[in-house]
Amino acid sequence: VQLQASGGGLVQAGGSLRLSCAASGRTFSNYIISWFRQAPGKEREFAAAISWNGSSTWHADSVKGRFSISRENAKNTVFLEMNSLKPEDTAVYYCAARTTIGGIATARGNVYWGQGTLVTVSS
């Protein structure tokens, strides 16, 4: 499956952005979709994930209560709604696809990755 992340940009602290991850190719609903982020000089970290049919979601503690992941399988798209953004949320955000739940917060196991979209939060 090919993944295309979009929606990044420059926003002030406290603002909001919605990222999109559009998929093409293989059956989208067969995959768990995750968002990871990588800040300059730091390792890639897990942000959120959503199950095949959207019935289960997982959010990192650092974004819980501020970010919300959702999906529309009919449109082959996953969204990451980001509210109350902080400067520390500044990173390149990547969407990724996997088929298993085990180790969901780790980059390993994701078989497809999008190209990333940059989110910059100014103070």
C-alpha atoms as a PDB file:
ATOM      1  CA  VAL A   1       0.000   0.000   0.000  1.00  0.00           C
ATOM      2  CA  GLN A   2       1.226   3.506  -0.776  1.00  0.00           C
ATOM      3  CA  LEU A   3       0.747   6.147   1.918  1.00  0.00           C
ATOM      4  CA  GLN A   4       0.678   9.904   1.413  1.00  0.00           C
ATOM      5  CA  ALA A   5       0.771  12.157   4.464  1.00  0.00           C
ATOM      6  CA  SER A   6      -0.366  15.760   4.227  1.00  0.00           C
ATOM      7  CA  GLY A   7      -1.712  18.642   6.281  1.00  0.00           C
ATOM      8  CA  GLY A   8       1.409  19.821   8.060  1.00  0.00           C
ATOM      9  CA  GLY A   9       2.325  23.450   8.409  1.00  0.00           C
ATOM     10  CA  LEU A  10       3.243  26.279  10.740  1.00  0.00           C
ATOM     11  CA  VAL A  11       0.915  26.994  13.645  1.00  0.00           C
ATOM     12  CA  GLN A  12       1.135  28.964  16.857  1.00  0.00           C
ATOM     13  CA  ALA A  13       1.151  27.256  20.221  1.00  0.00           C
ATOM     14  CA  GLY A  14      -2.380  26.427  21.274  1.00  0.00           C
ATOM     15  CA  GLY A  15      -3.516  26.059  17.687  1.00  0.00           C
ATOM     16  CA  SER A  16      -4.802  23.071  15.757  1.00  0.00           C
ATOM     17  CA  LEU A  17      -3.960  21.084  12.650  1.00  0.00           C
ATOM     18  CA  ARG A  18      -5.445  18.034  10.986  1.00  0.00           C
ATOM     19  CA  LEU A  19      -3.131  15.622   9.263  1.00  0.00           C
ATOM     20  CA  SER A  20      -4.323  13.209   6.605  1.00  0.00           C
ATOM     21  CA  CYS A  21      -2.863   9.910   5.461  1.00  0.00           C
ATOM     22  CA  ALA A  22      -4.253   8.796   2.114  1.00  0.00           C
ATOM     23  CA  ALA A  23      -3.679   5.226   1.000  1.00  0.00           C
ATOM     24  CA  SER A  24      -3.734   3.511  -2.358  1.00  0.00           C
ATOM     25  CA  GLY A  25      -2.935   0.045  -3.557  1.00  0.00           C
ATOM     26  CA  ARG A  26      -3.762  -2.897  -1.331  1.00  0.00           C
ATOM     27  CA  THR A  27      -6.951  -3.158   0.720  1.00  0.00           C
ATOM     28  CA  PHE A  28      -6.721  -0.302   3.173  1.00  0.00           C
ATOM     29  CA  SER A  29      -9.007  -1.869   5.761  1.00  0.00           C
ATOM     30  CA  ASN A  30      -6.538  -4.750   6.214  1.00  0.00           C
ATOM     31  CA  TYR A  31      -4.083  -2.463   7.965  1.00  0.00           C
ATOM     32  CA  ILE A  32      -3.639  -0.830  11.316  1.00  0.00           C
ATOM     33  CA  ILE A  33      -2.523   2.738  10.634  1.00  0.00           C
ATOM     34  CA  SER A  34      -0.192   4.599  12.957  1.00  0.00           C
ATOM     35  CA  TRP A  35       1.264   8.074  13.204  1.00  0.00           C
ATOM     36  CA  PHE A  36       4.861   8.468  14.299  1.00  0.00           C
ATOM     37  CA  ARG A  37       6.821  11.676  14.629  1.00  0.00           C
ATOM     38  CA  GLN A  38      10.464  12.607  14.585  1.00  0.00           C
ATOM     39  CA  ALA A  39      11.774  15.858  15.971  1.00  0.00           C
ATOM     40  CA  PRO A  40      15.173  17.215  14.882  1.00  0.00           C
ATOM     41  CA  GLY A  41      17.968  15.270  16.548  1.00  0.00           C
ATOM     42  CA  LYS A  42      15.579  12.816  18.185  1.00  0.00           C
ATOM     43  CA  GLU A  43      14.438   9.294  17.523  1.00  0.00           C
ATOM     44  CA  ARG A  44      11.161   8.552  15.811  1.00  0.00           C
ATOM     45  CA  GLU A  45       8.398   8.144  18.379  1.00  0.00           C
ATOM     46  CA  PHE A  46       4.898   6.739  18.372  1.00  0.00           C
ATOM     47  CA  ALA A  47       1.995   9.198  18.475  1.00  0.00           C
ATOM     48  CA  ALA A  48      -1.224   7.289  17.750  1.00  0.00           C
ATOM     49  CA  ALA A  49      -2.694   4.254  16.006  1.00  0.00           C
ATOM     50  CA  ILE A  50      -6.085   2.996  14.914  1.00  0.00           C
ATOM     51  CA  SER A  51      -7.340  -0.523  14.304  1.00  0.00           C
ATOM     52  CA  TRP A  52      -8.574  -1.984  11.037  1.00  0.00           C
ATOM     53  CA  ASN A  53     -12.178  -0.858  11.478  1.00  0.00           C
ATOM     54  CA  GLY A  54     -11.548   2.097  13.769  1.00  0.00           C
ATOM     55  CA  SER A  55     -13.023   0.424  16.842  1.00  0.00           C
ATOM     56  CA  SER A  56      -9.775   0.700  18.805  1.00  0.00           C
ATOM     57  CA  THR A  57      -7.339   3.562  19.095  1.00  0.00           C
ATOM     58  CA  TRP A  58      -4.069   4.062  20.941  1.00  0.00           C
ATOM     59  CA  HIS A  59      -2.454   7.388  21.824  1.00  0.00           C
ATOM     60  CA  ALA A  60       0.923   8.122  23.368  1.00  0.00           C
ATOM     61  CA  ASP A  61       0.769   9.722  26.812  1.00  0.00           C
ATOM     62  CA  SER A  62       2.420  12.835  25.405  1.00  0.00           C
ATOM     63  CA  VAL A  63      -0.521  13.501  23.069  1.00  0.00           C
ATOM     64  CA  LYS A  64      -3.410  11.913  24.941  1.00  0.00           C
ATOM     65  CA  GLY A  65      -6.306  14.325  25.356  1.00  0.00           C
ATOM     66  CA  ARG A  66      -4.943  16.648  22.648  1.00  0.00           C
ATOM     67  CA  PHE A  67      -4.629  14.419  19.560  1.00  0.00           C
ATOM     68  CA  SER A  68      -7.300  12.169  18.124  1.00  0.00           C
ATOM     69  CA  ILE A  69      -6.890   9.567  15.401  1.00  0.00           C
ATOM     70  CA  SER A  70      -9.736   8.469  13.149  1.00  0.00           C
ATOM     71  CA  ARG A  71     -10.231   6.728   9.810  1.00  0.00           C
ATOM     72  CA  GLU A  72     -12.643   6.591   6.913  1.00  0.00           C
ATOM     73  CA  ASN A  73     -12.093   3.301   5.118  1.00  0.00           C
ATOM     74  CA  ALA A  74     -14.484   4.292   2.344  1.00  0.00           C
ATOM     75  CA  LYS A  75     -12.069   7.116   1.533  1.00  0.00           C
ATOM     76  CA  ASN A  76      -8.884   5.150   2.311  1.00  0.00           C
ATOM     77  CA  THR A  77      -7.847   7.905   4.689  1.00  0.00           C
ATOM     78  CA  VAL A  78      -6.708   8.218   8.287  1.00  0.00           C
ATOM     79  CA  PHE A  79      -6.748  11.528  10.115  1.00  0.00           C
ATOM     80  CA  LEU A  80      -4.839  12.907  13.061  1.00  0.00           C
ATOM     81  CA  GLU A  81      -6.628  15.815  14.676  1.00  0.00           C
ATOM     82  CA  MET A  82      -4.119  17.797  16.722  1.00  0.00           C
ATOM     83  CA  ASN A  83      -5.338  20.401  19.217  1.00  0.00           C
ATOM     84  CA  SER A  84      -3.646  22.509  21.893  1.00  0.00           C
ATOM     85  CA  LEU A  85      -0.381  22.189  20.030  1.00  0.00           C
ATOM     86  CA  LYS A  86       2.848  22.826  21.867  1.00  0.00           C
ATOM     87  CA  PRO A  87       6.305  23.748  20.547  1.00  0.00           C
ATOM     88  CA  GLU A  88       7.478  20.272  21.575  1.00  0.00           C
ATOM     89  CA  ASP A  89       5.038  18.802  19.043  1.00  0.00           C
ATOM     90  CA  THR A  90       7.250  20.186  16.291  1.00  0.00           C
ATOM     91  CA  ALA A  91       8.348  17.233  14.165  1.00  0.00           C
ATOM     92  CA  VAL A  92       7.988  15.446  10.883  1.00  0.00           C
ATOM     93  CA  TYR A  93       4.899  13.285  11.150  1.00  0.00           C
ATOM     94  CA  TYR A  94       4.801   9.949   9.341  1.00  0.00           C
ATOM     95  CA  CYS A  95       1.928   7.558   8.810  1.00  0.00           C
ATOM     96  CA  ALA A  96       2.621   3.855   8.675  1.00  0.00           C
ATOM     97  CA  ALA A  97       0.734   0.623   8.060  1.00  0.00           C
ATOM     98  CA  ARG A  98       0.990  -2.722   9.842  1.00  0.00           C
ATOM     99  CA  THR A  99      -1.086  -5.876  10.142  1.00  0.00           C
ATOM    100  CA  THR A 100      -0.449  -6.868  13.774  1.00  0.00           C
ATOM    101  CA  ILE A 101      -1.207  -5.178  17.098  1.00  0.00           C
ATOM    102  CA  GLY A 102       1.773  -6.549  19.007  1.00  0.00           C
ATOM    103  CA  GLY A 103       4.424  -3.883  19.505  1.00  0.00           C
ATOM    104  CA  ILE A 104       2.150  -1.248  18.086  1.00  0.00           C
ATOM    105  CA  ALA A 105       4.104   1.617  19.624  1.00  0.00           C
ATOM    106  CA  THR A 106       7.320   0.567  17.932  1.00  0.00           C
ATOM    107  CA  ALA A 107       8.372   1.464  14.433  1.00  0.00           C
ATOM    108  CA  ARG A 108       9.342  -2.143  13.778  1.00  0.00           C
ATOM    109  CA  GLY A 109       6.473  -4.100  12.321  1.00  0.00           C
ATOM    110  CA  ASN A 110       5.201  -1.316  10.120  1.00  0.00           C
ATOM    111  CA  VAL A 111       5.558  -2.557   6.594  1.00  0.00           C
ATOM    112  CA  TYR A 112       4.663   0.632   4.740  1.00  0.00           C
ATOM    113  CA  TRP A 113       5.564   4.248   5.469  1.00  0.00           C
ATOM    114  CA  GLY A 114       4.455   7.554   4.050  1.00  0.00           C
ATOM    115  CA  GLN A 115       6.913  10.307   3.203  1.00  0.00           C
ATOM    116  CA  GLY A 116       6.198  12.558   6.191  1.00  0.00           C
ATOM    117  CA  THR A 117       4.694  15.994   6.668  1.00  0.00           C
ATOM    118  CA  LEU A 118       6.332  18.743   8.722  1.00  0.00           C
ATOM    119  CA  VAL A 119       4.513  20.300  11.662  1.00  0.00           C
ATOM    120  CA  THR A 120       6.078  23.397  13.190  1.00  0.00           C
ATOM    121  CA  VAL A 121       4.607  24.917  16.343  1.00  0.00           C
ATOM    122  CA  SER A 122       5.851  28.366  17.250  1.00  0.00           C
ATOM    123  CA  SER A 123       5.849  29.691  20.805  1.00  0.00           C
END
